[in-house]
Amino acid sequence: MPEGMTVAGAPPSGGAAPPPGAQPGEQPQGQASGPGGAMGPTANRGLEAAALAKLAVYAQGMSTVLAVLPAGSDAARDIREALNKIGKHVPPGAVSQGVQMSEAQRNLMQQRQQGPQIAAMRAAQMGGGGQPQPAQPQPAPAGA
């Protein structure tokens, strides 16, 4: 065969063979185009699952708030709209009840730990000067 000619289906000279089942000229899946061959960032499935669990807990909280709002109010309408959008990502049953409870407990513990710090920051912002003063004992009324 003369030089420069290739057999149909054979890889071009100097190039790598395409993976089985790939069409000629098609970019193999999982490989970046261009020189270097570096792949893009990949999702961390554990972090994604934790984020979806948090989202499910927040959606459950929003449902609780929605139940006490007047049905025709603007807030109720907006919450219903948000829940419809969130529901696409965490439909009922997508995150187990145990995972939701664990996430809710984690949130509660975090709030309890941050409570004193938040109170101190609020007091400082309001001009309270930091730590609250302990209550002074009141003297007993005279003539009692």
Protein backbone atom coordinates (compact mmCIF):
# COMPACT_ATOMS: atom_id res chain seq x y z
CA MET A 1 0.00 0.00 0.00
CA PRO A 2 1.38 3.46 -0.84
CA GLU A 3 2.57 5.69 1.96
CA GLY A 4 -0.03 8.12 3.43
CA MET A 5 -3.02 5.85 2.78
CA THR A 6 -4.87 4.20 5.61
CA VAL A 7 -7.20 1.27 5.82
CA ALA A 8 -10.85 2.14 6.55
CA GLY A 9 -11.54 1.85 10.29
CA ALA A 10 -7.84 1.94 11.21
CA PRO A 11 -6.64 4.69 13.53
CA PRO A 12 -4.93 7.63 11.86
CA SER A 13 -1.17 7.39 11.94
CA GLY A 14 0.36 8.87 15.05
CA GLY A 15 -2.95 8.93 16.97
CA ALA A 16 -4.47 6.72 19.59
CA ALA A 17 -7.15 4.24 18.65
CA PRO A 18 -10.69 5.29 19.57
CA PRO A 19 -12.32 3.18 22.27
CA PRO A 20 -14.51 0.32 21.10
CA GLY A 21 -17.93 1.49 19.97
CA ALA A 22 -16.82 5.09 19.35
CA GLN A 23 -17.32 6.73 16.00
CA PRO A 24 -14.23 7.99 14.16
CA GLY A 25 -13.55 11.61 15.07
CA GLU A 26 -15.74 11.40 18.20
CA GLN A 27 -14.23 12.64 21.48
CA PRO A 28 -14.02 9.77 24.00
CA GLN A 29 -16.22 10.34 27.05
CA GLY A 30 -14.39 11.48 30.18
CA GLN A 31 -11.51 13.03 28.30
CA ALA A 32 -11.00 16.75 27.95
CA SER A 33 -10.61 18.19 24.51
CA GLY A 34 -7.41 19.94 23.63
CA PRO A 35 -3.84 19.37 24.72
CA GLY A 36 -3.01 18.23 28.21
CA GLY A 37 -5.89 15.81 28.66
CA ALA A 38 -6.77 17.20 32.10
CA MET A 39 -10.27 16.41 33.26
CA GLY A 40 -12.59 19.01 34.69
CA PRO A 41 -13.70 19.04 38.32
CA THR A 42 -15.86 16.15 39.42
CA ALA A 43 -18.71 16.27 41.88
CA ASN A 44 -18.20 14.95 45.39
CA ARG A 45 -21.17 12.63 45.90
CA GLY A 46 -20.87 12.72 49.69
CA LEU A 47 -21.04 16.51 49.84
CA GLU A 48 -23.91 16.48 47.37
CA ALA A 49 -25.86 13.98 49.48
CA ALA A 50 -25.26 16.07 52.62
CA ALA A 51 -26.42 19.21 50.83
CA LEU A 52 -29.58 17.47 49.62
CA ALA A 53 -30.27 16.28 53.18
CA LYS A 54 -29.99 19.88 54.40
CA LEU A 55 -32.26 21.02 51.61
CA ALA A 56 -34.84 18.37 52.58
CA VAL A 57 -34.76 19.58 56.21
CA TYR A 58 -35.23 23.20 55.13
CA ALA A 59 -38.05 22.22 52.79
CA GLN A 60 -39.74 20.41 55.67
CA GLY A 61 -39.38 23.54 57.81
CA MET A 62 -40.82 25.67 55.04
CA SER A 63 -43.79 23.29 54.82
CA THR A 64 -44.37 23.75 58.55
CA VAL A 65 -44.33 27.54 58.14
CA LEU A 66 -46.65 27.30 55.14
CA ALA A 67 -49.22 25.42 57.22
CA VAL A 68 -49.67 28.37 59.61
CA LEU A 69 -49.71 31.17 57.03
CA PRO A 70 -52.99 32.42 55.57
CA ALA A 71 -53.58 30.55 52.31
CA GLY A 72 -53.93 33.61 50.09
CA SER A 73 -51.03 35.63 51.50
CA ASP A 74 -48.04 36.66 49.41
CA ALA A 75 -45.69 34.80 51.75
CA ALA A 76 -47.68 31.57 51.39
CA ARG A 77 -47.70 31.89 47.60
CA ASP A 78 -43.93 32.47 47.50
CA ILE A 79 -43.21 29.56 49.84
CA ARG A 80 -45.42 27.24 47.77
CA GLU A 81 -43.56 28.32 44.63
CA ALA A 82 -40.18 27.72 46.29
CA LEU A 83 -41.28 24.31 47.58
CA ASN A 84 -42.39 23.32 44.07
CA LYS A 85 -38.93 24.18 42.74
CA ILE A 86 -37.09 22.50 45.62
CA GLY A 87 -39.33 19.44 45.31
CA LYS A 88 -37.73 18.65 41.96
CA HIS A 89 -34.41 18.11 43.73
CA VAL A 90 -35.63 16.46 46.93
CA PRO A 91 -38.98 14.79 46.28
CA PRO A 92 -40.67 13.15 49.28
CA GLY A 93 -38.78 9.98 50.14
CA ALA A 94 -35.60 10.95 48.26
CA VAL A 95 -33.78 11.49 51.55
CA SER A 96 -34.45 8.98 54.30
CA GLN A 97 -36.16 10.06 57.51
CA GLY A 98 -33.09 9.07 59.53
CA VAL A 99 -30.79 11.28 57.46
CA GLN A 100 -33.25 14.17 57.80
CA MET A 101 -33.38 13.72 61.58
CA SER A 102 -29.59 13.58 61.84
CA GLU A 103 -29.28 16.75 59.80
CA ALA A 104 -31.93 18.53 61.89
CA GLN A 105 -30.11 17.53 65.10
CA ARG A 106 -26.80 18.75 63.64
CA ASN A 107 -28.41 22.11 62.80
CA LEU A 108 -29.88 22.40 66.31
CA MET A 109 -26.52 21.63 67.95
CA GLN A 110 -24.82 24.22 65.75
CA GLN A 111 -27.40 26.85 66.69
CA ARG A 112 -26.95 26.10 70.39
CA GLN A 113 -23.18 26.42 70.10
CA GLN A 114 -23.40 29.69 68.19
CA GLY A 115 -26.17 31.19 70.34
CA PRO A 116 -23.94 32.86 72.97
CA GLN A 117 -21.63 34.23 70.27
CA ILE A 118 -24.52 35.68 68.29
CA ALA A 119 -26.02 37.22 71.44
CA ALA A 120 -22.68 38.86 72.30
CA MET A 121 -22.34 40.26 68.76
CA ARG A 122 -25.88 41.66 68.86
CA ALA A 123 -25.25 43.26 72.25
CA ALA A 124 -22.05 44.84 70.94
CA GLN A 125 -23.84 46.19 67.86
CA MET A 126 -26.60 47.72 69.97
CA GLY A 127 -24.08 49.55 72.12
CA GLY A 128 -24.41 47.17 75.03
CA GLY A 129 -20.63 47.01 75.29
CA GLY A 130 -20.26 43.26 75.31
CA GLN A 131 -21.05 40.97 78.24
CA PRO A 132 -24.28 41.65 80.15
CA GLN A 133 -23.85 42.80 83.74
CA PRO A 134 -24.93 40.36 86.45
CA ALA A 135 -28.01 41.40 88.38
CA GLN A 136 -27.28 43.34 91.59
CA PRO A 137 -28.99 42.10 94.73
CA GLN A 138 -31.75 44.45 95.85
CA PRO A 139 -31.63 45.71 99.45
CA ALA A 140 -34.50 44.61 101.67
CA PRO A 141 -37.22 47.25 102.07
CA ALA A 142 -37.00 49.17 105.34
CA GLY A 143 -39.60 48.53 107.98
CA ALA A 144 -40.41 45.02 107.01
